[in-house]
N, C-alpha and C. Protein backbone atom coordinates (compact mmCIF):
# COMPACT_ATOMS: atom_id res chain seq x y z
N MET A 1 12.27 7.17 -16.37
CA MET A 1 12.02 8.68 -17.03
C MET A 1 10.84 8.99 -15.89
N LEU A 2 9.88 8.01 -15.15
CA LEU A 2 9.45 8.49 -14.41
C LEU A 2 10.11 8.99 -12.66
N GLU A 3 11.57 8.36 -13.13
CA GLU A 3 11.84 8.82 -11.79
C GLU A 3 12.41 10.26 -11.46
N LYS A 4 12.68 10.90 -12.55
CA LYS A 4 13.50 12.38 -12.93
C LYS A 4 11.93 13.15 -12.35
N TYR A 5 10.09 12.40 -12.75
CA TYR A 5 9.32 13.17 -12.33
C TYR A 5 9.27 13.22 -10.91
N VAL A 6 9.53 11.94 -10.33
CA VAL A 6 9.60 11.66 -8.43
C VAL A 6 10.54 12.62 -8.02
N PHE A 7 11.84 12.77 -8.51
CA PHE A 7 12.39 13.56 -8.09
C PHE A 7 12.30 15.05 -7.75
N MET A 8 11.45 15.24 -9.01
CA MET A 8 11.26 16.78 -8.69
C MET A 8 10.00 16.94 -8.63
N ALA A 9 9.39 16.23 -8.15
CA ALA A 9 8.06 16.30 -7.41
C ALA A 9 8.54 16.21 -6.03
N PHE A 10 8.93 15.68 -5.58
CA PHE A 10 9.42 15.47 -3.98
C PHE A 10 10.47 16.85 -3.97
N ILE A 11 11.63 17.67 -4.73
CA ILE A 11 12.01 18.76 -4.52
C ILE A 11 10.64 19.95 -4.37
N ALA A 12 9.48 20.10 -5.23
CA ALA A 12 8.60 20.62 -5.05
C ALA A 12 7.85 20.93 -3.86
N ALA A 13 7.62 19.50 -2.96
CA ALA A 13 7.02 19.44 -2.05
C ALA A 13 7.42 20.09 -0.78
N THR A 14 8.91 19.65 -1.05
CA THR A 14 9.89 20.06 0.19
C THR A 14 10.07 21.51 0.44
N ALA A 15 9.88 21.81 -1.09
CA ALA A 15 10.10 23.27 -1.05
C ALA A 15 8.87 24.29 -0.45
N ALA A 16 8.04 23.69 -0.89
CA ALA A 16 6.47 23.91 -0.71
C ALA A 16 6.54 24.13 1.54
N SER A 17 6.98 22.92 1.69
CA SER A 17 6.48 23.01 3.42
C SER A 17 7.96 24.05 3.26
N ALA A 18 8.87 24.02 3.36
CA ALA A 18 10.21 24.71 3.84
C ALA A 18 9.93 26.17 3.39
N SER A 19 9.70 26.68 2.55
CA SER A 19 9.63 27.73 2.09
C SER A 19 8.94 28.78 3.22
N ALA A 20 8.15 28.63 4.68
CA ALA A 20 8.02 29.40 5.34
C ALA A 20 8.18 28.80 6.41
N GLN A 21 9.51 28.54 6.60
CA GLN A 21 10.21 27.99 8.36
C GLN A 21 9.87 26.52 8.56
N ALA A 22 10.39 25.35 8.25
CA ALA A 22 10.13 23.82 8.14
C ALA A 22 10.38 24.18 10.05
N ASP A 23 9.34 23.11 10.47
CA ASP A 23 9.05 22.98 11.63
C ASP A 23 9.77 21.53 12.27
N GLU A 24 9.87 20.53 11.39
CA GLU A 24 10.91 19.26 11.68
C GLU A 24 10.89 18.60 10.54
N VAL A 25 12.05 18.28 10.50
CA VAL A 25 12.79 16.79 9.39
C VAL A 25 13.10 15.66 9.91
N TYR A 26 12.77 14.51 8.92
CA TYR A 26 12.96 12.97 9.96
C TYR A 26 13.21 12.55 9.07
N GLY A 27 13.40 11.04 9.43
CA GLY A 27 13.98 10.02 8.70
C GLY A 27 13.32 8.60 9.06
N GLY A 28 13.76 7.57 8.56
CA GLY A 28 13.29 6.37 9.46
C GLY A 28 13.09 5.43 7.96
N ILE A 29 12.95 4.24 8.45
CA ILE A 29 12.89 2.97 7.55
C ILE A 29 10.79 2.59 7.43
N GLY A 30 10.92 1.80 6.71
CA GLY A 30 9.50 1.01 6.35
C GLY A 30 9.27 -0.14 4.98
N THR A 31 7.98 -0.36 4.94
CA THR A 31 7.76 -1.55 4.14
C THR A 31 8.28 -1.04 2.70
N THR A 32 8.56 0.32 2.44
CA THR A 32 8.87 0.93 1.15
C THR A 32 10.52 1.34 0.67
N GLY A 33 11.01 1.03 1.97
CA GLY A 33 12.73 1.70 1.87
C GLY A 33 12.53 1.96 2.70
N ILE A 34 13.81 3.36 2.95
CA ILE A 34 14.09 4.50 3.51
C ILE A 34 12.76 5.58 3.40
N THR A 35 12.75 6.04 5.01
CA THR A 35 11.87 7.50 4.50
C THR A 35 12.30 9.01 4.59
N LEU A 36 12.63 9.94 4.03
CA LEU A 36 12.60 11.30 4.46
C LEU A 36 11.99 12.49 4.32
N GLY A 37 11.76 13.35 5.04
CA GLY A 37 10.73 14.37 4.77
C GLY A 37 10.39 15.19 5.85
N ILE A 38 9.99 16.18 5.61
CA ILE A 38 9.73 17.70 6.13
C ILE A 38 8.11 18.19 6.55
N SER A 39 8.37 18.49 7.68
CA SER A 39 7.00 18.87 7.84
C SER A 39 6.62 20.18 8.65
N ARG A 40 5.83 20.46 8.54
CA ARG A 40 5.22 22.05 8.91
C ARG A 40 3.78 22.18 9.38
N SER A 41 3.73 23.10 10.66
CA SER A 41 2.84 22.92 11.12
C SER A 41 1.97 24.53 10.02
N ILE A 42 0.81 23.98 9.92
CA ILE A 42 0.00 25.50 9.05
C ILE A 42 -1.35 25.74 10.32
N ALA A 43 -1.60 24.85 11.16
CA ALA A 43 -2.85 25.46 12.01
C ALA A 43 -2.58 24.63 13.34
N PRO A 44 -3.22 24.71 14.10
CA PRO A 44 -3.01 24.50 15.49
C PRO A 44 -2.79 23.12 15.54
N ALA A 45 -3.99 22.27 14.77
CA ALA A 45 -3.93 20.75 14.60
C ALA A 45 -3.89 20.21 13.08
N VAL A 46 -3.11 21.06 12.52
CA VAL A 46 -2.68 20.11 11.29
C VAL A 46 -1.08 20.66 10.53
N ASN A 47 -0.65 19.53 10.01
CA ASN A 47 0.58 19.75 9.45
C ASN A 47 0.67 19.48 8.18
N LEU A 48 1.32 20.35 7.18
CA LEU A 48 2.05 19.85 5.49
C LEU A 48 2.76 18.97 5.94
N ARG A 49 3.27 17.84 4.91
CA ARG A 49 4.23 17.39 4.89
C ARG A 49 4.65 17.25 3.50
N GLY A 50 5.87 17.15 3.30
CA GLY A 50 6.81 16.39 1.90
C GLY A 50 7.40 15.38 2.20
N GLU A 51 7.17 14.03 1.43
CA GLU A 51 8.24 13.24 1.90
C GLU A 51 8.18 12.23 0.53
N TYR A 52 9.76 11.63 0.85
CA TYR A 52 10.57 10.55 0.06
C TYR A 52 10.37 9.38 0.82
N ALA A 53 9.84 8.54 0.23
CA ALA A 53 9.74 7.08 0.30
C ALA A 53 10.62 5.82 -1.07
N GLY A 54 12.12 5.21 -0.45
CA GLY A 54 12.54 4.56 -1.74
C GLY A 54 13.50 3.70 -1.63
N GLY A 55 13.70 3.18 -2.08
CA GLY A 55 15.41 2.80 -2.13
C GLY A 55 14.47 0.62 -2.06
N LEU A 56 13.97 0.91 -2.21
CA LEU A 56 13.47 -0.30 -1.72
C LEU A 56 13.51 -1.34 -3.37
N ASN A 57 14.44 -2.70 -2.98
CA ASN A 57 15.05 -2.95 -4.56
C ASN A 57 15.39 -4.50 -3.99
N MET A 58 14.42 -5.33 -4.00
CA MET A 58 14.60 -7.06 -3.59
C MET A 58 13.68 -7.69 -5.02
N SER A 59 14.85 -9.11 -4.69
CA SER A 59 14.63 -10.35 -6.13
C SER A 59 14.08 -11.43 -5.36
N LYS A 60 13.62 -12.25 -5.73
CA LYS A 60 13.29 -13.76 -5.46
C LYS A 60 12.60 -14.60 -6.39
N ASN A 61 13.23 -15.58 -6.59
CA ASN A 61 12.43 -16.78 -7.24
C ASN A 61 11.38 -17.72 -6.60
N GLY A 62 10.19 -17.33 -8.23
CA GLY A 62 9.01 -18.60 -7.70
C GLY A 62 8.14 -18.85 -9.05
N GLN A 63 7.53 -19.43 -8.57
CA GLN A 63 6.73 -19.68 -9.58
C GLN A 63 5.64 -19.12 -9.47
N ARG A 64 4.77 -18.95 -10.81
CA ARG A 64 3.63 -17.99 -11.13
C ARG A 64 2.68 -18.46 -12.04
N ASN A 65 1.68 -19.43 -12.28
CA ASN A 65 0.55 -19.75 -13.51
C ASN A 65 1.39 -20.03 -14.18
N GLY A 66 2.26 -21.00 -13.63
CA GLY A 66 2.85 -22.46 -14.52
C GLY A 66 4.55 -21.60 -14.59
N ILE A 67 4.56 -20.85 -14.44
CA ILE A 67 5.90 -20.47 -15.21
C ILE A 67 7.07 -20.25 -14.00
N ASP A 68 8.07 -20.69 -13.85
CA ASP A 68 8.80 -20.01 -13.30
C ASP A 68 9.43 -18.86 -13.68
N PHE A 69 10.10 -17.87 -12.57
CA PHE A 69 10.07 -16.77 -12.87
C PHE A 69 11.05 -16.09 -11.92
N LYS A 70 11.99 -15.20 -12.19
CA LYS A 70 12.88 -14.75 -10.76
C LYS A 70 11.82 -12.95 -11.05
N GLY A 71 11.53 -12.78 -9.94
CA GLY A 71 11.38 -11.46 -9.62
C GLY A 71 11.99 -10.70 -8.69
N THR A 72 11.38 -9.15 -9.14
CA THR A 72 12.32 -7.99 -8.84
C THR A 72 11.40 -6.97 -8.68
N LEU A 73 11.36 -6.01 -7.19
CA LEU A 73 10.32 -5.23 -6.73
C LEU A 73 11.61 -4.35 -6.66
N LYS A 74 11.29 -2.91 -7.48
CA LYS A 74 11.64 -2.05 -6.95
C LYS A 74 10.68 -0.55 -6.77
N SER A 75 11.21 0.01 -5.65
CA SER A 75 9.85 1.05 -5.33
C SER A 75 10.26 2.12 -5.16
N GLN A 76 9.38 3.27 -5.08
CA GLN A 76 10.03 4.28 -4.61
C GLN A 76 8.61 5.73 -4.78
N SER A 77 8.64 7.05 -3.97
CA SER A 77 7.43 7.76 -4.26
C SER A 77 7.69 8.74 -3.16
N VAL A 78 7.00 9.82 -4.16
CA VAL A 78 7.28 10.82 -2.93
C VAL A 78 5.59 11.51 -2.85
N SER A 79 5.48 11.69 -1.68
CA SER A 79 4.33 12.54 -1.05
C SER A 79 4.13 13.45 -0.41
N VAL A 80 2.70 14.33 -0.80
CA VAL A 80 2.24 15.11 -0.70
C VAL A 80 1.31 15.35 0.85
N LEU A 81 1.40 15.37 2.10
CA LEU A 81 0.41 14.67 2.88
C LEU A 81 -0.33 15.99 4.26
N ALA A 82 -0.84 15.44 4.72
CA ALA A 82 -1.71 16.58 5.45
C ALA A 82 -2.16 15.66 6.55
N ASP A 83 -1.41 16.35 7.88
CA ASP A 83 -1.84 15.23 9.22
C ASP A 83 -2.68 16.32 9.93
N TYR A 84 -4.16 15.58 10.79
CA TYR A 84 -4.79 16.33 11.70
C TYR A 84 -4.53 15.08 12.70
N PHE A 85 -5.11 16.43 13.84
CA PHE A 85 -4.65 15.81 15.09
C PHE A 85 -6.29 15.84 15.75
N PRO A 86 -6.72 15.10 16.23
CA PRO A 86 -8.38 14.83 16.74
C PRO A 86 -8.47 14.87 17.87
N MET A 87 -6.85 14.77 18.54
CA MET A 87 -7.29 14.34 20.32
C MET A 87 -6.30 15.14 20.78
N GLY A 88 -5.92 16.04 20.46
CA GLY A 88 -5.26 16.96 21.30
C GLY A 88 -3.61 16.57 21.80
N ASN A 89 -3.07 15.22 21.14
CA ASN A 89 -2.02 14.62 21.06
C ASN A 89 -1.53 14.13 20.35
N GLY A 90 -0.08 13.26 20.40
CA GLY A 90 0.51 12.73 19.27
C GLY A 90 -0.26 12.09 18.03
N PHE A 91 -1.61 11.28 18.42
CA PHE A 91 -2.43 10.57 16.75
C PHE A 91 -2.76 11.79 16.03
N ARG A 92 -2.48 10.85 14.92
CA ARG A 92 -2.53 11.93 13.63
C ARG A 92 -3.84 11.26 12.47
N ILE A 93 -4.70 11.84 11.71
CA ILE A 93 -5.40 11.21 10.66
C ILE A 93 -4.44 11.38 9.38
N THR A 94 -4.23 11.03 8.83
CA THR A 94 -3.07 11.47 7.29
C THR A 94 -3.64 11.45 6.45
N GLY A 95 -4.02 12.16 5.58
CA GLY A 95 -4.59 11.82 4.13
C GLY A 95 -3.20 12.58 2.75
N GLY A 96 -3.58 12.40 1.64
CA GLY A 96 -2.62 12.91 0.90
C GLY A 96 -2.65 12.36 -0.61
N LEU A 97 -1.40 12.73 -1.44
CA LEU A 97 -1.17 12.05 -2.99
C LEU A 97 -0.16 11.50 -2.86
N SER A 98 0.27 10.35 -3.10
CA SER A 98 1.60 10.00 -3.49
C SER A 98 1.95 10.14 -4.98
N PHE A 99 3.09 9.83 -5.42
CA PHE A 99 3.90 9.98 -6.82
C PHE A 99 4.64 9.02 -7.35
N ASN A 100 4.29 7.61 -7.87
CA ASN A 100 4.79 6.68 -7.17
C ASN A 100 6.01 6.09 -8.82
N SER A 101 7.16 5.56 -8.81
CA SER A 101 7.88 4.85 -9.49
C SER A 101 7.99 3.60 -8.64
N THR A 102 6.94 2.13 -8.82
CA THR A 102 6.72 1.11 -8.13
C THR A 102 6.03 -0.24 -8.95
N LYS A 103 7.65 -0.92 -9.09
CA LYS A 103 7.27 -1.94 -10.28
C LYS A 103 8.25 -2.93 -10.24
N PHE A 104 7.14 -4.13 -10.39
CA PHE A 104 7.62 -5.78 -10.14
C PHE A 104 7.38 -6.46 -11.22
N THR A 105 8.88 -6.92 -11.74
CA THR A 105 8.77 -7.43 -12.67
C THR A 105 9.50 -9.33 -12.94
N LEU A 106 8.32 -9.89 -12.94
CA LEU A 106 8.03 -11.44 -13.75
C LEU A 106 8.96 -11.32 -15.05
N ASN A 107 10.41 -12.18 -14.37
CA ASN A 107 11.44 -12.62 -15.60
C ASN A 107 11.10 -14.23 -15.86
N SER A 108 10.87 -14.87 -16.70
CA SER A 108 11.04 -16.23 -17.15
C SER A 108 12.62 -16.74 -16.74
N THR A 109 12.86 -17.26 -16.24
CA THR A 109 14.33 -17.96 -15.89
C THR A 109 14.66 -18.61 -16.76
N GLY A 110 14.29 -18.77 -18.50
CA GLY A 110 14.91 -19.57 -19.46
C GLY A 110 15.11 -21.34 -19.30
N VAL A 111 14.54 -21.77 -17.85
CA VAL A 111 14.87 -22.90 -18.30
C VAL A 111 13.34 -23.90 -17.56
N GLY A 112 13.54 -25.16 -18.16
CA GLY A 112 12.15 -25.71 -17.74
C GLY A 112 11.18 -26.00 -18.62
N THR A 113 10.17 -25.70 -17.79
CA THR A 113 8.47 -26.18 -18.74
C THR A 113 7.66 -25.04 -18.27
N ALA A 114 6.72 -25.27 -18.81
CA ALA A 114 5.69 -23.60 -18.28
C ALA A 114 4.20 -24.38 -18.70
N THR A 115 3.60 -23.45 -18.24
CA THR A 115 1.96 -23.68 -19.38
C THR A 115 1.77 -22.56 -19.51
N VAL A 116 1.31 -22.06 -20.52
CA VAL A 116 0.40 -21.19 -21.57
C VAL A 116 -1.19 -21.86 -22.07
N ASN A 117 -2.03 -20.86 -21.07
CA ASN A 117 -3.03 -21.32 -21.65
C ASN A 117 -3.39 -22.85 -22.02
N GLY A 118 -2.38 -23.43 -20.90
CA GLY A 118 -3.24 -25.23 -20.74
C GLY A 118 -2.08 -25.78 -21.56
N LYS A 119 -1.06 -25.03 -22.66
CA LYS A 119 -0.82 -25.89 -23.24
C LYS A 119 0.78 -25.79 -23.01
N PRO A 120 1.24 -26.91 -22.45
CA PRO A 120 3.05 -27.37 -22.14
C PRO A 120 3.86 -26.48 -23.61
N VAL A 121 5.00 -26.12 -22.61
CA VAL A 121 6.27 -25.45 -23.56
C VAL A 121 7.13 -25.45 -23.09
N SER A 122 8.17 -25.82 -23.15
CA SER A 122 9.89 -25.24 -22.88
C SER A 122 9.88 -24.08 -23.18
N LEU A 123 10.91 -23.54 -22.04
CA LEU A 123 11.37 -22.37 -21.89
C LEU A 123 12.65 -21.91 -21.83
N ALA A 124 13.13 -23.01 -22.65
CA ALA A 124 15.08 -23.12 -23.04
C ALA A 124 15.76 -22.42 -23.43
N ASN A 125 14.86 -22.03 -25.06
CA ASN A 125 15.00 -21.28 -25.54
C ASN A 125 14.14 -20.03 -25.98
N ASP A 126 13.23 -19.36 -24.63
CA ASP A 126 12.07 -18.67 -25.10
C ASP A 126 12.15 -18.14 -23.56
N PHE A 127 11.07 -17.23 -23.50
CA PHE A 127 10.71 -16.51 -22.07
C PHE A 127 9.12 -15.83 -22.37
N PHE A 128 9.25 -15.70 -21.11
CA PHE A 128 7.43 -15.33 -20.91
C PHE A 128 7.53 -14.17 -19.77
N ASN A 129 7.63 -12.96 -20.19
CA ASN A 129 8.03 -11.88 -18.78
C ASN A 129 6.52 -10.85 -18.29
N ILE A 130 6.51 -10.95 -17.30
CA ILE A 130 5.51 -10.42 -16.83
C ILE A 130 5.96 -8.31 -15.96
N ASP A 131 4.99 -7.55 -15.93
CA ASP A 131 5.81 -6.20 -15.63
C ASP A 131 4.30 -5.99 -14.86
N VAL A 132 4.70 -5.88 -13.29
CA VAL A 132 2.89 -5.51 -12.66
C VAL A 132 3.45 -3.94 -11.82
N LYS A 133 2.66 -2.49 -12.38
CA LYS A 133 2.70 -1.42 -12.36
C LYS A 133 2.27 -0.86 -11.22
N GLN A 134 2.37 -0.31 -10.47
CA GLN A 134 1.88 0.78 -9.19
C GLN A 134 1.12 1.86 -10.09
N PRO A 135 0.28 2.51 -10.09
CA PRO A 135 -0.40 3.72 -10.65
C PRO A 135 0.49 4.78 -10.31
N ASN A 136 0.92 5.76 -11.54
CA ASN A 136 1.80 7.23 -11.43
C ASN A 136 1.06 7.96 -9.87
N VAL A 137 0.14 8.14 -9.42
CA VAL A 137 -0.58 8.76 -8.40
C VAL A 137 -1.30 7.65 -8.60
N THR A 138 -1.46 7.91 -6.61
CA THR A 138 -2.38 7.38 -5.91
C THR A 138 -2.81 7.86 -5.03
N PRO A 139 -4.06 8.17 -4.05
CA PRO A 139 -4.68 8.88 -2.89
C PRO A 139 -3.97 7.67 -1.53
N TYR A 140 -3.23 8.35 -0.67
CA TYR A 140 -2.63 8.03 0.41
C TYR A 140 -3.68 8.54 1.94
N LEU A 141 -4.22 7.31 2.61
CA LEU A 141 -4.99 7.39 3.63
C LEU A 141 -4.45 6.96 4.76
N GLY A 142 -4.25 7.26 6.29
CA GLY A 142 -3.53 6.25 7.10
C GLY A 142 -3.70 6.64 8.27
N ILE A 143 -3.07 6.54 9.49
CA ILE A 143 -3.20 7.34 10.81
C ILE A 143 -1.59 6.62 11.08
N GLY A 144 -0.77 7.79 12.51
CA GLY A 144 0.12 8.03 12.74
C GLY A 144 0.24 8.54 14.03
N TYR A 145 1.59 8.70 14.49
CA TYR A 145 1.22 8.71 15.60
C TYR A 145 2.88 9.99 15.60
N GLY A 146 3.41 11.45 15.94
CA GLY A 146 4.33 12.33 16.10
C GLY A 146 4.15 13.40 14.74
N PHE A 147 5.10 14.48 15.14
CA PHE A 147 5.04 15.24 14.43
C PHE A 147 4.16 16.98 14.90
N LYS A 148 3.32 16.85 16.26
CA LYS A 148 2.37 17.47 16.91
C LYS A 148 3.02 18.81 16.83
N PRO A 149 1.90 19.43 16.54
CA PRO A 149 2.10 21.24 15.98
C PRO A 149 3.15 21.72 17.50
N ASP A 150 2.56 21.43 18.09
CA ASP A 150 2.55 22.57 19.84
C ASP A 150 3.85 21.65 20.67
N SER A 151 4.37 20.15 20.09
CA SER A 151 5.48 19.66 20.57
C SER A 151 6.32 20.57 21.07
N LYS A 152 6.96 20.25 22.40
CA LYS A 152 8.23 21.10 22.71
C LYS A 152 9.92 20.63 22.47
N SER A 153 9.55 18.79 22.19
CA SER A 153 10.84 18.48 22.59
C SER A 153 11.54 18.47 21.11
N ALA A 154 12.76 18.71 20.91
CA ALA A 154 13.82 18.54 19.89
C ALA A 154 13.59 17.13 19.12
N TRP A 155 14.23 16.19 19.58
CA TRP A 155 13.82 14.91 18.98
C TRP A 155 12.70 14.46 19.72
N ASP A 156 12.45 13.74 18.63
CA ASP A 156 11.33 12.52 18.78
C ASP A 156 11.50 11.91 17.74
N PHE A 157 9.97 10.60 18.13
CA PHE A 157 9.91 9.61 17.25
C PHE A 157 8.55 9.26 16.09
N TYR A 158 8.04 8.99 15.47
CA TYR A 158 7.37 8.66 14.72
C TYR A 158 6.88 7.83 14.06
N ALA A 159 5.75 7.19 13.91
CA ALA A 159 5.43 5.99 13.45
C ALA A 159 4.38 6.02 12.38
N ASP A 160 4.22 5.66 10.80
CA ASP A 160 3.01 5.88 10.16
C ASP A 160 3.04 4.17 9.50
N ALA A 161 0.99 4.54 9.63
CA ALA A 161 0.51 3.14 8.75
C ALA A 161 -0.53 3.37 7.89
N GLY A 162 -0.30 2.96 7.20
CA GLY A 162 -1.42 3.75 5.95
C GLY A 162 -1.74 2.71 4.49
N VAL A 163 -2.18 2.90 3.48
CA VAL A 163 -2.28 2.71 1.79
C VAL A 163 -2.55 3.47 0.98
N MET A 164 -1.73 3.14 0.22
CA MET A 164 -1.66 3.95 -1.14
C MET A 164 -3.12 3.22 -2.15
N ILE A 165 -4.22 3.63 -2.69
CA ILE A 165 -4.91 3.01 -3.19
C ILE A 165 -5.03 3.25 -4.41
N GLY A 166 -5.28 2.05 -5.33
CA GLY A 166 -4.84 2.34 -6.93
C GLY A 166 -4.37 0.93 -7.47
N LYS A 167 -5.69 0.47 -8.60
CA LYS A 167 -5.35 -0.77 -8.92
C LYS A 167 -4.49 -0.70 -9.42
N PHE A 168 -3.21 -2.16 -10.37
CA PHE A 168 -2.10 -2.23 -10.51
C PHE A 168 -2.09 -2.92 -11.89
N THR A 169 -1.80 -2.19 -12.70
CA THR A 169 -1.81 -2.62 -14.31
C THR A 169 -0.54 -4.07 -14.54
N THR A 170 -0.71 -4.86 -15.99
CA THR A 170 0.06 -5.77 -15.89
C THR A 170 0.16 -5.66 -17.45
N THR A 171 1.38 -5.83 -18.23
CA THR A 171 1.70 -5.97 -19.29
C THR A 171 2.77 -7.51 -19.40
N THR A 172 2.78 -7.99 -20.71
CA THR A 172 3.20 -9.18 -20.57
C THR A 172 4.40 -8.74 -22.50
N SER A 173 5.10 -9.50 -21.95
CA SER A 173 6.32 -9.82 -23.38
C SER A 173 6.89 -11.16 -23.58
N THR A 174 6.64 -11.21 -24.73
CA THR A 174 7.11 -13.59 -24.68
C THR A 174 7.45 -13.16 -26.51
N SER A 175 8.12 -14.45 -26.09
CA SER A 175 8.74 -14.92 -27.96
C SER A 175 8.22 -16.36 -27.98
N LEU A 176 7.35 -16.53 -27.50
CA LEU A 176 6.65 -17.72 -27.61
C LEU A 176 5.47 -17.56 -29.12
N LEU A 177 5.13 -16.17 -29.47
CA LEU A 177 4.18 -16.21 -30.26
C LEU A 177 5.15 -17.26 -31.60
N ASN A 178 3.37 -18.26 -31.92
CA ASN A 178 4.00 -18.88 -33.03
C ASN A 178 5.21 -19.73 -32.88
N GLN A 179 5.52 -20.18 -31.38
CA GLN A 179 6.25 -20.89 -31.36
C GLN A 179 5.19 -22.53 -30.16
N GLN A 180 5.85 -23.81 -30.92
CA GLN A 180 5.63 -24.66 -29.96
C GLN A 180 4.02 -24.84 -30.04
N GLY A 181 3.66 -24.12 -31.01
CA GLY A 181 1.77 -24.38 -31.02
C GLY A 181 1.41 -23.13 -30.67
N ILE A 182 1.92 -22.09 -30.09
CA ILE A 182 1.42 -21.44 -28.93
C ILE A 182 1.25 -19.96 -30.00
N THR A 183 -0.15 -19.73 -30.06
CA THR A 183 -1.08 -18.16 -30.97
C THR A 183 -1.36 -17.28 -30.10
N GLN A 184 -1.30 -16.41 -30.70
CA GLN A 184 -1.77 -15.01 -29.93
C GLN A 184 -2.59 -15.13 -29.03
N ALA A 185 -3.56 -16.49 -29.46
CA ALA A 185 -5.09 -16.49 -28.14
C ALA A 185 -4.70 -16.89 -27.22
N ASP A 186 -3.29 -17.86 -27.03
CA ASP A 186 -3.25 -18.36 -26.30
C ASP A 186 -2.34 -17.36 -25.35
N ILE A 187 -1.76 -16.42 -25.60
CA ILE A 187 -0.98 -15.77 -24.88
C ILE A 187 -1.42 -14.67 -24.40
N ASP A 188 -2.61 -14.32 -25.11
CA ASP A 188 -4.30 -12.98 -24.85
C ASP A 188 -4.40 -13.67 -23.14
N ALA A 189 -5.18 -15.29 -23.93
CA ALA A 189 -5.61 -15.85 -22.42
C ALA A 189 -5.02 -16.11 -21.15
N GLN A 190 -3.27 -16.46 -21.32
CA GLN A 190 -2.49 -16.28 -19.85
C GLN A 190 -2.42 -15.15 -19.65
N THR A 191 -2.21 -13.67 -20.38
CA THR A 191 -2.20 -12.15 -20.11
C THR A 191 -3.11 -12.18 -19.24
N ALA A 192 -4.33 -12.23 -19.66
CA ALA A 192 -5.92 -12.18 -18.97
C ALA A 192 -5.93 -13.26 -17.89
N THR A 193 -5.24 -14.01 -17.46
CA THR A 193 -5.42 -15.03 -16.28
C THR A 193 -4.24 -14.23 -15.07
N VAL A 194 -2.81 -13.40 -15.45
CA VAL A 194 -2.81 -12.93 -14.40
C VAL A 194 -2.98 -11.75 -14.66
N ARG A 195 -4.01 -10.57 -15.49
CA ARG A 195 -4.47 -9.86 -15.05
C ARG A 195 -5.50 -9.73 -13.59
N ASP A 196 -6.40 -11.02 -14.40
CA ASP A 196 -7.16 -10.72 -13.45
C ASP A 196 -6.60 -11.42 -11.72
N ASN A 197 -5.39 -11.96 -11.67
CA ASN A 197 -5.20 -12.12 -10.24
C ASN A 197 -4.55 -10.57 -10.16
N VAL A 198 -4.07 -10.17 -10.16
CA VAL A 198 -3.42 -8.81 -9.87
C VAL A 198 -4.46 -7.28 -10.25
N SER A 199 -5.47 -7.57 -11.02
CA SER A 199 -6.09 -6.67 -10.43
C SER A 199 -7.30 -6.54 -9.39
N LYS A 200 -6.49 -7.83 -8.63
CA LYS A 200 -7.10 -7.54 -7.01
C LYS A 200 -6.36 -7.15 -6.25
N LEU A 201 -5.50 -6.84 -6.54
CA LEU A 201 -4.66 -5.51 -5.43
C LEU A 201 -4.67 -4.38 -6.38
N SER A 202 -5.67 -3.80 -4.86
CA SER A 202 -5.60 -2.66 -4.91
C SER A 202 -5.17 -1.50 -4.39
N VAL A 203 -4.36 -1.79 -3.24
CA VAL A 203 -4.06 -1.21 -2.27
C VAL A 203 -2.46 -1.62 -2.40
N LEU A 204 -2.26 -0.69 -1.40
CA LEU A 204 -0.50 -0.79 -1.53
C LEU A 204 0.06 -0.15 -0.19
N PRO A 205 0.38 -1.37 1.38
CA PRO A 205 0.40 -1.30 2.68
C PRO A 205 1.99 -0.19 2.63
N LYS A 206 1.90 0.43 3.78
CA LYS A 206 2.30 1.27 3.60
C LYS A 206 3.03 1.81 5.53
N VAL A 207 3.60 1.07 5.55
CA VAL A 207 4.51 1.81 7.33
C VAL A 207 6.04 1.58 7.42
N SER A 208 6.04 2.62 8.26
CA SER A 208 7.23 3.40 8.58
C SER A 208 7.46 4.23 9.66
N VAL A 209 8.40 3.87 10.25
CA VAL A 209 8.87 4.15 11.92
C VAL A 209 10.09 5.16 11.74
N GLY A 210 10.48 5.92 12.51
CA GLY A 210 11.64 6.61 12.65
C GLY A 210 11.96 7.69 13.37
N ALA A 211 12.92 8.90 13.60
CA ALA A 211 13.09 9.88 14.59
C ALA A 211 12.50 11.15 13.15
N SER A 212 12.25 12.35 14.34
CA SER A 212 12.22 13.63 13.65
C SER A 212 13.12 14.59 14.57
N TYR A 213 13.20 15.85 13.63
CA TYR A 213 14.07 16.86 14.85
C TYR A 213 13.33 18.16 14.30
N ARG A 214 13.08 18.86 15.56
CA ARG A 214 11.99 19.93 15.55
C ARG A 214 12.98 21.15 15.41
N PHE A 215 12.92 22.30 14.73
CA PHE A 215 13.96 23.20 14.54
C PHE A 215 13.53 24.08 16.07
C-alpha cells in the first residue's frame, strides 16, 4: 500500500517542480538503486527538486542473534529537496524530506538450531522472522555538486552524498510460542535484544552519481 503513496508523492513533487518550466532532468545510480529527478531554479542560489530513488532489491544469507536467516532488502523513496549554493560554484548544501518504503526482512531458514533468550531450539518445523523498517517520512541532509542555477551546459554530471534521519522499527513473528519450552517472555526478550541492536540504526546513508540535461 505504501508504494502507492510513494508513487503519488513522486508525481506531486515532480509536477510542482515542472509546472513553471523545469530547468533540468537527471538520472543516476547509487546506494538506494536508480535515481530519477527533476530540478528547477527558484532563486539565483536555490533549486527545488523532486526525486525518486529505488529499485534496490538484495538478498543475503547470514546469522543474527543465534538464528540463521535469509535477509532481503527492498528500498524506494521519493524526496522533495532544496539546494543552496553558498560558494557561487556547483557545490551545494541540500535539505528536504524523503517519503520511504524501505524494509529489511530476515526470514529464518527453517533448518538447524537457534537460540531464543538463551534457550536452544530446532527450527526444522518452526520459524522466527524479523522485519526492520525505515520510518515512512524522514528528514534528508546532505551535500553535493551539480544543478548550478546559472550553468550554461546542456549536459552535466551531478553527485550527492547525505543521510536520511530516523530510527528504524522492528517487529518479529514466530511459531515457537509454547513450542520446545519457549514462552511469551522468551520471545519478548529475544525481540527486545534485536530491537536494541536495531535502535542504534538512526541514519541511512544515501549516495548517488549521474548525469543531468538542462532545457
